[in-house]
Amino acid sequence: ETGRVVGLESSPVVAPLVKWGMAYYETSLNWLREAIRRIEVVQTEHLSFLCQQASGSFDIVYFDPMFREPVRTSQALAPLRAIADAHPLQQETIKEAIRVARRKVVVKERRGSSEFERLGIHTVVGGESSRVAYGVIAVG
């Protein structure tokens, strides 16, 4: 309840949609609704934001970029793909994230994606039956 969560969205079209959706999201789970309402949505590019942050200013830096190869059976995000930022994460961004994070940097990507290797992420976790994996960089 006292933590700070900042969600970044680079698309000037998607950011207000996310902000609106979080403000009006309804669930019978009060703790979840309250947690979602506390997320601060900022429309900005992730590298510029990270460069402006003090070293060690966030516990975790988590990236959930659009997959380089989309999961075709997941239709929920399909309409946003055309207006979302499709640029891949850069190594410079990962370096800044490591500087800003106190504990971990996590990157969500498709299981088996070459993005983890390209970004220098060696620890990848995720269920065998899941299409999603998480690259984890321990910091400190």
N, C-alpha and C. Protein backbone atom coordinates (compact mmCIF):
# COMPACT_ATOMS: atom_id res chain seq x y z
N GLU A 1 0.81 -1.21 0.00
CA GLU A 1 0.00 0.00 0.00
C GLU A 1 0.85 1.26 0.00
N THR A 2 2.08 1.17 0.47
CA THR A 2 2.92 2.37 0.52
C THR A 2 3.91 2.44 -0.63
N GLY A 3 3.96 1.40 -1.44
CA GLY A 3 4.90 1.38 -2.56
C GLY A 3 4.44 2.28 -3.69
N ARG A 4 5.34 2.49 -4.62
CA ARG A 4 5.05 3.30 -5.80
C ARG A 4 5.25 2.45 -7.04
N VAL A 5 4.24 2.40 -7.90
CA VAL A 5 4.34 1.68 -9.17
C VAL A 5 4.09 2.68 -10.28
N VAL A 6 5.04 2.76 -11.20
CA VAL A 6 4.92 3.66 -12.34
C VAL A 6 4.86 2.81 -13.59
N GLY A 7 3.80 2.96 -14.36
CA GLY A 7 3.65 2.26 -15.62
C GLY A 7 3.91 3.21 -16.76
N LEU A 8 4.87 2.87 -17.60
CA LEU A 8 5.22 3.73 -18.72
C LEU A 8 4.57 3.22 -20.00
N GLU A 9 4.10 4.14 -20.80
CA GLU A 9 3.54 3.80 -22.11
C GLU A 9 4.00 4.86 -23.09
N SER A 10 4.70 4.44 -24.12
CA SER A 10 5.27 5.42 -25.06
C SER A 10 4.24 5.96 -26.04
N SER A 11 3.23 5.20 -26.34
CA SER A 11 2.24 5.63 -27.34
C SER A 11 1.30 6.69 -26.76
N PRO A 12 1.23 7.86 -27.39
CA PRO A 12 0.32 8.90 -26.90
C PRO A 12 -1.15 8.54 -27.09
N VAL A 13 -1.43 7.51 -27.88
CA VAL A 13 -2.80 7.05 -28.06
C VAL A 13 -3.13 5.98 -27.01
N VAL A 14 -2.20 5.08 -26.76
CA VAL A 14 -2.45 3.97 -25.83
C VAL A 14 -2.43 4.44 -24.38
N ALA A 15 -1.53 5.35 -24.02
CA ALA A 15 -1.39 5.79 -22.62
C ALA A 15 -2.71 6.25 -22.00
N PRO A 16 -3.48 7.15 -22.64
CA PRO A 16 -4.73 7.56 -22.01
C PRO A 16 -5.76 6.42 -21.92
N LEU A 17 -5.70 5.48 -22.87
CA LEU A 17 -6.60 4.33 -22.80
C LEU A 17 -6.28 3.47 -21.58
N VAL A 18 -5.00 3.26 -21.34
CA VAL A 18 -4.57 2.47 -20.18
C VAL A 18 -4.97 3.19 -18.90
N LYS A 19 -4.71 4.49 -18.86
CA LYS A 19 -5.04 5.29 -17.67
C LYS A 19 -6.55 5.21 -17.38
N TRP A 20 -7.36 5.37 -18.41
CA TRP A 20 -8.81 5.29 -18.26
C TRP A 20 -9.23 3.90 -17.80
N GLY A 21 -8.69 2.87 -18.44
CA GLY A 21 -9.05 1.49 -18.09
C GLY A 21 -8.73 1.17 -16.65
N MET A 22 -7.60 1.66 -16.17
CA MET A 22 -7.22 1.40 -14.78
C MET A 22 -8.09 2.17 -13.80
N ALA A 23 -8.53 3.34 -14.20
CA ALA A 23 -9.39 4.15 -13.32
C ALA A 23 -10.78 3.54 -13.18
N TYR A 24 -11.24 2.84 -14.20
CA TYR A 24 -12.60 2.30 -14.19
C TYR A 24 -12.69 0.79 -14.11
N TYR A 25 -11.55 0.11 -13.98
CA TYR A 25 -11.53 -1.34 -13.89
C TYR A 25 -12.31 -1.78 -12.66
N GLU A 26 -13.18 -2.75 -12.82
CA GLU A 26 -13.98 -3.25 -11.71
C GLU A 26 -13.68 -4.72 -11.46
N THR A 27 -13.59 -5.06 -10.20
CA THR A 27 -13.40 -6.43 -9.77
C THR A 27 -13.97 -6.56 -8.36
N SER A 28 -14.37 -7.75 -8.00
CA SER A 28 -14.87 -7.99 -6.64
C SER A 28 -13.72 -8.07 -5.64
N LEU A 29 -12.50 -8.14 -6.14
CA LEU A 29 -11.31 -8.20 -5.27
C LEU A 29 -10.88 -6.77 -4.94
N ASN A 30 -11.28 -6.29 -3.78
CA ASN A 30 -10.99 -4.91 -3.39
C ASN A 30 -9.50 -4.60 -3.40
N TRP A 31 -8.67 -5.53 -2.92
CA TRP A 31 -7.23 -5.28 -2.87
C TRP A 31 -6.65 -5.06 -4.26
N LEU A 32 -7.18 -5.80 -5.24
CA LEU A 32 -6.70 -5.67 -6.62
C LEU A 32 -7.15 -4.34 -7.22
N ARG A 33 -8.41 -3.99 -7.05
CA ARG A 33 -8.92 -2.73 -7.56
C ARG A 33 -8.14 -1.55 -6.98
N GLU A 34 -7.89 -1.59 -5.67
CA GLU A 34 -7.15 -0.51 -5.01
C GLU A 34 -5.70 -0.44 -5.51
N ALA A 35 -5.09 -1.59 -5.70
CA ALA A 35 -3.71 -1.62 -6.20
C ALA A 35 -3.63 -1.04 -7.61
N ILE A 36 -4.57 -1.41 -8.46
CA ILE A 36 -4.58 -0.90 -9.84
C ILE A 36 -4.77 0.61 -9.85
N ARG A 37 -5.62 1.12 -8.99
CA ARG A 37 -5.88 2.57 -8.94
C ARG A 37 -4.63 3.36 -8.52
N ARG A 38 -3.72 2.69 -7.79
CA ARG A 38 -2.51 3.39 -7.33
C ARG A 38 -1.40 3.42 -8.37
N ILE A 39 -1.54 2.69 -9.47
CA ILE A 39 -0.49 2.70 -10.50
C ILE A 39 -0.50 4.04 -11.22
N GLU A 40 0.63 4.66 -11.27
CA GLU A 40 0.80 5.95 -11.95
C GLU A 40 1.18 5.67 -13.41
N VAL A 41 0.32 6.05 -14.34
CA VAL A 41 0.59 5.83 -15.76
C VAL A 41 1.22 7.11 -16.33
N VAL A 42 2.39 6.95 -16.94
CA VAL A 42 3.12 8.08 -17.50
C VAL A 42 3.34 7.82 -18.99
N GLN A 43 2.97 8.78 -19.80
CA GLN A 43 3.20 8.66 -21.25
C GLN A 43 4.59 9.20 -21.54
N THR A 44 5.52 8.27 -21.77
CA THR A 44 6.91 8.64 -22.05
C THR A 44 7.63 7.43 -22.62
N GLU A 45 8.77 7.67 -23.19
CA GLU A 45 9.61 6.60 -23.71
C GLU A 45 10.46 6.08 -22.55
N HIS A 46 10.60 4.76 -22.45
CA HIS A 46 11.23 4.17 -21.27
C HIS A 46 12.69 4.59 -21.05
N LEU A 47 13.48 4.72 -22.10
CA LEU A 47 14.88 5.08 -21.90
C LEU A 47 15.00 6.49 -21.34
N SER A 48 14.22 7.44 -21.87
CA SER A 48 14.29 8.81 -21.33
C SER A 48 13.89 8.83 -19.86
N PHE A 49 12.85 8.08 -19.50
CA PHE A 49 12.40 8.04 -18.11
C PHE A 49 13.51 7.47 -17.22
N LEU A 50 14.08 6.35 -17.64
CA LEU A 50 15.12 5.71 -16.83
C LEU A 50 16.33 6.63 -16.65
N CYS A 51 16.72 7.32 -17.69
CA CYS A 51 17.88 8.22 -17.61
C CYS A 51 17.67 9.35 -16.60
N GLN A 52 16.43 9.69 -16.35
CA GLN A 52 16.10 10.78 -15.41
C GLN A 52 16.00 10.30 -13.96
N GLN A 53 16.04 8.99 -13.74
CA GLN A 53 15.87 8.45 -12.39
C GLN A 53 17.21 8.29 -11.70
N ALA A 54 17.17 8.41 -10.38
CA ALA A 54 18.37 8.21 -9.57
C ALA A 54 18.74 6.73 -9.56
N SER A 55 20.01 6.44 -9.39
CA SER A 55 20.46 5.06 -9.28
C SER A 55 19.79 4.40 -8.08
N GLY A 56 19.31 3.16 -8.27
CA GLY A 56 18.67 2.42 -7.18
C GLY A 56 17.36 3.01 -6.70
N SER A 57 16.66 3.74 -7.54
CA SER A 57 15.43 4.42 -7.09
C SER A 57 14.18 3.55 -7.18
N PHE A 58 14.24 2.39 -7.83
CA PHE A 58 13.12 1.47 -7.90
C PHE A 58 13.61 0.08 -7.50
N ASP A 59 12.77 -0.68 -6.83
CA ASP A 59 13.14 -2.06 -6.46
C ASP A 59 13.30 -2.91 -7.71
N ILE A 60 12.30 -2.84 -8.59
CA ILE A 60 12.26 -3.69 -9.78
C ILE A 60 11.92 -2.83 -10.99
N VAL A 61 12.59 -3.10 -12.09
CA VAL A 61 12.23 -2.50 -13.37
C VAL A 61 11.74 -3.66 -14.23
N TYR A 62 10.50 -3.55 -14.70
CA TYR A 62 9.84 -4.63 -15.43
C TYR A 62 9.44 -4.14 -16.81
N PHE A 63 9.84 -4.87 -17.84
CA PHE A 63 9.50 -4.53 -19.21
C PHE A 63 8.49 -5.54 -19.76
N ASP A 64 7.43 -5.03 -20.36
CA ASP A 64 6.42 -5.87 -21.00
C ASP A 64 6.20 -5.32 -22.40
N PRO A 65 7.22 -5.45 -23.27
CA PRO A 65 7.10 -4.88 -24.62
C PRO A 65 6.20 -5.74 -25.51
N MET A 66 5.78 -5.18 -26.61
CA MET A 66 5.06 -5.98 -27.59
C MET A 66 6.03 -7.06 -28.06
N PHE A 67 5.56 -8.28 -28.09
CA PHE A 67 6.43 -9.38 -28.52
C PHE A 67 6.88 -9.15 -29.95
N ARG A 68 8.13 -9.49 -30.22
CA ARG A 68 8.66 -9.37 -31.58
C ARG A 68 7.85 -10.28 -32.51
N GLU A 69 7.48 -11.46 -32.02
CA GLU A 69 6.60 -12.37 -32.75
C GLU A 69 5.34 -12.52 -31.92
N PRO A 70 4.23 -11.95 -32.35
CA PRO A 70 3.03 -11.97 -31.52
C PRO A 70 2.46 -13.37 -31.31
N VAL A 71 1.75 -13.53 -30.20
CA VAL A 71 1.01 -14.75 -29.94
C VAL A 71 -0.32 -14.57 -30.67
N ARG A 72 -0.49 -15.24 -31.76
CA ARG A 72 -1.67 -15.04 -32.63
C ARG A 72 -2.98 -15.44 -31.96
N THR A 73 -2.91 -16.38 -31.02
CA THR A 73 -4.15 -16.81 -30.36
C THR A 73 -4.59 -15.83 -29.28
N SER A 74 -3.74 -14.89 -28.92
CA SER A 74 -4.08 -13.89 -27.91
C SER A 74 -4.62 -12.66 -28.63
N GLN A 75 -5.92 -12.54 -28.69
CA GLN A 75 -6.55 -11.47 -29.46
C GLN A 75 -6.77 -10.18 -28.67
N ALA A 76 -6.59 -10.22 -27.35
CA ALA A 76 -6.88 -9.04 -26.53
C ALA A 76 -6.05 -7.82 -26.94
N LEU A 77 -4.80 -8.02 -27.30
CA LEU A 77 -3.92 -6.89 -27.66
C LEU A 77 -3.84 -6.64 -29.16
N ALA A 78 -4.45 -7.49 -29.95
CA ALA A 78 -4.35 -7.36 -31.41
C ALA A 78 -4.74 -5.97 -31.92
N PRO A 79 -5.83 -5.35 -31.44
CA PRO A 79 -6.18 -4.02 -31.96
C PRO A 79 -5.15 -2.94 -31.62
N LEU A 80 -4.41 -3.12 -30.52
CA LEU A 80 -3.43 -2.11 -30.11
C LEU A 80 -2.10 -2.26 -30.84
N ARG A 81 -1.85 -3.41 -31.42
CA ARG A 81 -0.56 -3.66 -32.07
C ARG A 81 -0.24 -2.62 -33.13
N ALA A 82 -1.25 -2.18 -33.88
CA ALA A 82 -1.02 -1.21 -34.97
C ALA A 82 -0.59 0.16 -34.45
N ILE A 83 -0.98 0.51 -33.23
CA ILE A 83 -0.64 1.85 -32.71
C ILE A 83 0.38 1.80 -31.58
N ALA A 84 0.79 0.59 -31.19
CA ALA A 84 1.77 0.45 -30.12
C ALA A 84 3.19 0.65 -30.65
N ASP A 85 4.10 0.90 -29.74
CA ASP A 85 5.51 1.05 -30.08
C ASP A 85 6.10 -0.34 -30.32
N ALA A 86 6.48 -0.62 -31.53
CA ALA A 86 6.99 -1.96 -31.89
C ALA A 86 8.50 -2.04 -31.83
N HIS A 87 9.18 -0.97 -31.42
CA HIS A 87 10.64 -1.00 -31.36
C HIS A 87 11.11 -1.99 -30.30
N PRO A 88 12.14 -2.76 -30.62
CA PRO A 88 12.66 -3.70 -29.62
C PRO A 88 13.42 -2.96 -28.52
N LEU A 89 13.52 -3.60 -27.36
CA LEU A 89 14.34 -3.04 -26.29
C LEU A 89 15.78 -2.98 -26.75
N GLN A 90 16.50 -2.00 -26.26
CA GLN A 90 17.91 -1.85 -26.62
C GLN A 90 18.80 -2.18 -25.42
N GLN A 91 20.03 -2.56 -25.69
CA GLN A 91 20.97 -2.88 -24.61
C GLN A 91 21.20 -1.67 -23.71
N GLU A 92 21.19 -0.48 -24.28
CA GLU A 92 21.36 0.74 -23.48
C GLU A 92 20.22 0.87 -22.46
N THR A 93 19.02 0.49 -22.87
CA THR A 93 17.86 0.54 -21.96
C THR A 93 18.05 -0.44 -20.82
N ILE A 94 18.53 -1.64 -21.13
CA ILE A 94 18.77 -2.64 -20.09
C ILE A 94 19.84 -2.15 -19.12
N LYS A 95 20.89 -1.52 -19.62
CA LYS A 95 21.95 -0.97 -18.76
C LYS A 95 21.39 0.08 -17.81
N GLU A 96 20.54 0.97 -18.33
CA GLU A 96 19.92 1.99 -17.48
C GLU A 96 18.99 1.36 -16.45
N ALA A 97 18.26 0.34 -16.87
CA ALA A 97 17.35 -0.36 -15.95
C ALA A 97 18.14 -0.99 -14.80
N ILE A 98 19.28 -1.58 -15.11
CA ILE A 98 20.15 -2.18 -14.08
C ILE A 98 20.63 -1.10 -13.11
N ARG A 99 20.94 0.06 -13.62
CA ARG A 99 21.38 1.17 -12.77
C ARG A 99 20.26 1.64 -11.84
N VAL A 100 19.05 1.69 -12.36
CA VAL A 100 17.90 2.23 -11.61
C VAL A 100 17.33 1.20 -10.62
N ALA A 101 17.42 -0.09 -10.94
CA ALA A 101 16.84 -1.13 -10.09
C ALA A 101 17.72 -1.45 -8.89
N ARG A 102 17.07 -1.65 -7.76
CA ARG A 102 17.80 -2.09 -6.55
C ARG A 102 17.89 -3.61 -6.48
N ARG A 103 16.86 -4.30 -7.02
CA ARG A 103 16.82 -5.76 -6.85
C ARG A 103 16.88 -6.54 -8.16
N LYS A 104 15.99 -6.20 -9.12
CA LYS A 104 15.90 -7.00 -10.34
C LYS A 104 15.44 -6.17 -11.52
N VAL A 105 15.82 -6.67 -12.69
CA VAL A 105 15.27 -6.20 -13.97
C VAL A 105 14.62 -7.43 -14.58
N VAL A 106 13.37 -7.29 -15.01
CA VAL A 106 12.63 -8.41 -15.58
C VAL A 106 12.10 -8.01 -16.95
N VAL A 107 12.27 -8.90 -17.92
CA VAL A 107 11.78 -8.67 -19.28
C VAL A 107 10.83 -9.80 -19.65
N LYS A 108 9.61 -9.44 -20.00
CA LYS A 108 8.62 -10.43 -20.45
C LYS A 108 8.76 -10.58 -21.96
N GLU A 109 8.77 -11.83 -22.40
CA GLU A 109 8.93 -12.11 -23.84
C GLU A 109 8.39 -13.51 -24.10
N ARG A 110 8.28 -13.86 -25.35
CA ARG A 110 7.85 -15.22 -25.71
C ARG A 110 8.90 -16.22 -25.28
N ARG A 111 8.45 -17.37 -24.83
CA ARG A 111 9.37 -18.45 -24.48
C ARG A 111 10.16 -18.83 -25.74
N GLY A 112 11.45 -19.00 -25.60
CA GLY A 112 12.30 -19.37 -26.72
C GLY A 112 12.73 -18.19 -27.59
N SER A 113 12.37 -16.98 -27.21
CA SER A 113 12.71 -15.80 -27.99
C SER A 113 14.22 -15.55 -27.98
N SER A 114 14.73 -15.10 -29.10
CA SER A 114 16.16 -14.75 -29.18
C SER A 114 16.43 -13.38 -28.56
N GLU A 115 15.38 -12.66 -28.16
CA GLU A 115 15.55 -11.34 -27.54
C GLU A 115 16.36 -11.44 -26.25
N PHE A 116 16.16 -12.49 -25.48
CA PHE A 116 16.90 -12.64 -24.23
C PHE A 116 18.41 -12.68 -24.50
N GLU A 117 18.80 -13.49 -25.45
CA GLU A 117 20.21 -13.60 -25.80
C GLU A 117 20.74 -12.27 -26.35
N ARG A 118 19.97 -11.65 -27.23
CA ARG A 118 20.39 -10.38 -27.84
C ARG A 118 20.63 -9.31 -26.78
N LEU A 119 19.81 -9.34 -25.72
CA LEU A 119 19.92 -8.34 -24.66
C LEU A 119 20.90 -8.74 -23.56
N GLY A 120 21.49 -9.92 -23.69
CA GLY A 120 22.46 -10.36 -22.68
C GLY A 120 21.82 -10.88 -21.41
N ILE A 121 20.61 -11.38 -21.51
CA ILE A 121 19.90 -11.92 -20.35
C ILE A 121 20.08 -13.44 -20.36
N HIS A 122 20.67 -13.95 -19.28
CA HIS A 122 21.02 -15.36 -19.23
C HIS A 122 20.07 -16.20 -18.37
N THR A 123 19.36 -15.56 -17.45
CA THR A 123 18.42 -16.28 -16.60
C THR A 123 17.02 -16.07 -17.14
N VAL A 124 16.41 -17.15 -17.60
CA VAL A 124 15.06 -17.09 -18.16
C VAL A 124 14.20 -18.09 -17.42
N VAL A 125 13.07 -17.61 -16.90
CA VAL A 125 12.15 -18.48 -16.17
C VAL A 125 10.78 -18.42 -16.82
N GLY A 126 10.05 -19.50 -16.67
CA GLY A 126 8.70 -19.56 -17.23
C GLY A 126 8.28 -21.00 -17.34
N GLY A 127 6.98 -21.21 -17.19
CA GLY A 127 6.46 -22.56 -17.23
C GLY A 127 6.64 -23.21 -18.59
N GLU A 128 6.84 -24.49 -18.58
CA GLU A 128 7.01 -25.23 -19.84
C GLU A 128 5.76 -25.15 -20.71
N SER A 129 4.61 -25.07 -20.08
CA SER A 129 3.36 -25.04 -20.85
C SER A 129 2.94 -23.62 -21.23
N SER A 130 3.68 -22.63 -20.76
CA SER A 130 3.33 -21.23 -21.05
C SER A 130 4.04 -20.73 -22.29
N ARG A 131 3.42 -19.83 -23.01
CA ARG A 131 4.06 -19.21 -24.18
C ARG A 131 4.94 -18.03 -23.75
N VAL A 132 4.85 -17.67 -22.48
CA VAL A 132 5.54 -16.50 -21.97
C VAL A 132 6.70 -16.93 -21.07
N ALA A 133 7.79 -16.19 -21.18
CA ALA A 133 8.94 -16.40 -20.31
C ALA A 133 9.40 -15.04 -19.78
N TYR A 134 10.18 -15.08 -18.74
CA TYR A 134 10.67 -13.86 -18.10
C TYR A 134 12.18 -13.93 -17.98
N GLY A 135 12.85 -12.96 -18.58
CA GLY A 135 14.28 -12.84 -18.41
C GLY A 135 14.53 -12.05 -17.14
N VAL A 136 15.40 -12.56 -16.28
CA VAL A 136 15.62 -11.93 -14.98
C VAL A 136 17.09 -11.61 -14.82
N ILE A 137 17.36 -10.37 -14.45
CA ILE A 137 18.71 -9.93 -14.13
C ILE A 137 18.71 -9.51 -12.66
N ALA A 138 19.46 -10.23 -11.85
CA ALA A 138 19.59 -9.88 -10.44
C ALA A 138 20.54 -8.69 -10.31
N VAL A 139 20.16 -7.72 -9.51
CA VAL A 139 20.96 -6.51 -9.34
C VAL A 139 21.40 -6.45 -7.88
N GLY A 140 22.62 -5.99 -7.65
CA GLY A 140 23.11 -5.84 -6.28
C GLY A 140 23.41 -7.14 -5.71
